[in-house]
Amino acid sequence: LIEAPMSHSEFQENMATDRINLSGYTKGEGEVEITITIHPIRSYRIVESKKGTGASTKYNYTARYVMPIGLRVANPSQGIMMETTLYESERTYNLPSQKSKYDHELYMK
């Protein structure tokens, strides 16, 4: 199921002009559309490492994934002013350490 994108029609101009600064661009008048696209996760894998032995064994898990984010800035008169993709390389997220593989499976459910 793909949800429809959220669009906001009302936006106070000072919220943008006071807070957004795009290097290489000067403030102007008129509309601008900023589109952020969060692409699906790909190349997702869990890496397991084990420390200790017996009752003192700890299992550490790291999630490695790629989840690019697209950014596009456009306006009606100039068209697309900037378009780029961020976070295209592999990223890492450390999951909580677990006492056993079974505990990790419970955590992941």
Protein backbone atom coordinates (compact mmCIF):
# COMPACT_ATOMS: atom_id res chain seq x y z
CA LEU A 1 0.00 0.00 0.00
CA ILE A 2 1.45 3.33 -1.08
CA GLU A 3 0.17 6.39 0.72
CA ALA A 4 -0.56 9.59 -1.17
CA PRO A 5 2.00 12.34 -0.54
CA MET A 6 1.11 15.04 1.96
CA SER A 7 0.68 18.48 0.40
CA HIS A 8 0.51 21.69 2.37
CA SER A 9 -1.19 24.61 0.66
CA GLU A 10 -0.79 27.21 3.42
CA PHE A 11 2.64 28.25 4.50
CA GLN A 12 3.64 31.48 6.16
CA GLU A 13 6.26 33.18 3.99
CA ASN A 14 8.41 34.30 6.92
CA MET A 15 8.75 30.66 8.02
CA ALA A 16 10.78 30.02 4.86
CA THR A 17 12.56 33.33 4.36
CA ASP A 18 13.81 33.49 7.94
CA ARG A 19 14.97 29.85 8.21
CA ILE A 20 16.02 28.53 4.79
CA ASN A 21 19.32 29.52 3.22
CA LEU A 22 20.41 27.71 0.05
CA SER A 23 24.01 28.60 -0.76
CA GLY A 24 24.37 30.01 -4.27
CA TYR A 25 20.80 31.33 -4.35
CA THR A 26 19.46 34.73 -3.37
CA LYS A 27 16.07 35.45 -1.82
CA GLY A 28 13.43 36.27 -4.39
CA GLU A 29 9.72 36.54 -4.73
CA GLY A 30 7.30 33.91 -5.84
CA GLU A 31 6.68 30.28 -5.19
CA VAL A 32 9.10 27.46 -4.59
CA GLU A 33 8.33 23.77 -4.27
CA ILE A 34 10.57 21.53 -2.18
CA THR A 35 10.09 17.81 -2.72
CA ILE A 36 11.66 15.25 -0.41
CA THR A 37 11.46 11.63 -1.54
CA ILE A 38 12.36 8.88 0.91
CA HIS A 39 13.24 5.87 -1.22
CA PRO A 40 12.73 2.29 0.01
CA ILE A 41 15.42 0.55 2.05
CA ARG A 42 17.66 -1.68 -0.05
CA SER A 43 20.68 -3.87 0.63
CA TYR A 44 19.39 -4.44 4.17
CA ARG A 45 21.27 -6.97 6.29
CA ILE A 46 21.85 -7.74 9.95
CA VAL A 47 25.44 -8.40 11.03
CA GLU A 48 25.92 -10.45 14.21
CA SER A 49 28.96 -10.40 16.47
CA LYS A 50 29.48 -12.40 19.64
CA LYS A 51 31.52 -11.46 22.73
CA GLY A 52 32.30 -13.62 25.73
CA THR A 53 31.56 -17.27 26.47
CA GLY A 54 29.04 -19.23 28.48
CA ALA A 55 26.68 -17.21 30.69
CA SER A 56 28.58 -13.97 29.95
CA THR A 57 28.00 -14.21 26.18
CA LYS A 58 26.58 -11.06 24.59
CA TYR A 59 25.30 -10.86 21.03
CA ASN A 60 25.67 -7.54 19.24
CA TYR A 61 23.67 -6.79 16.11
CA THR A 62 24.20 -4.09 13.52
CA ALA A 63 21.77 -3.23 10.74
CA ARG A 64 23.46 -2.19 7.51
CA TYR A 65 21.28 -0.62 4.85
CA VAL A 66 21.00 1.90 2.03
CA MET A 67 18.04 4.31 2.13
CA PRO A 68 18.51 7.24 -0.25
CA ILE A 69 16.61 10.49 0.14
CA GLY A 70 15.85 12.63 -2.91
CA LEU A 71 15.72 16.43 -2.66
CA ARG A 72 14.33 18.68 -5.40
CA VAL A 73 13.80 22.46 -5.38
CA ALA A 74 11.71 23.94 -8.20
CA ASN A 75 9.60 26.98 -9.03
CA PRO A 76 7.04 27.60 -11.80
CA SER A 77 9.14 30.12 -13.75
CA GLN A 78 12.58 28.46 -13.60
CA GLY A 79 11.62 24.80 -13.33
CA ILE A 80 13.94 22.51 -11.37
CA MET A 81 16.60 24.62 -9.65
CA MET A 82 18.30 21.82 -7.74
CA GLU A 83 17.93 18.05 -7.64
CA THR A 84 20.14 15.67 -5.68
CA THR A 85 20.10 12.36 -3.82
CA LEU A 86 21.48 12.08 -0.30
CA TYR A 87 22.57 9.02 1.72
CA GLU A 88 23.29 6.78 -1.27
CA SER A 89 26.07 4.91 0.55
CA GLU A 90 25.64 2.17 3.16
CA ARG A 91 24.58 3.34 6.62
CA THR A 92 24.82 1.55 9.97
CA TYR A 93 22.42 1.33 12.89
CA ASN A 94 23.44 -0.45 16.12
CA LEU A 95 20.66 -2.61 17.55
CA PRO A 96 20.52 -3.30 21.31
CA SER A 97 22.82 -6.07 22.61
CA GLN A 98 21.06 -9.31 23.53
CA LYS A 99 21.82 -12.20 25.89
CA SER A 100 20.89 -14.80 23.26
CA LYS A 101 19.90 -15.23 19.64
CA TYR A 102 16.39 -16.03 20.86
CA ASP A 103 16.18 -12.65 22.63
CA HIS A 104 17.22 -10.97 19.39
CA GLU A 105 14.48 -12.79 17.48
CA LEU A 106 11.92 -11.63 20.07
CA TYR A 107 13.18 -8.05 19.78
CA MET A 108 12.86 -8.11 15.99
CA LYS A 109 9.19 -9.22 16.07
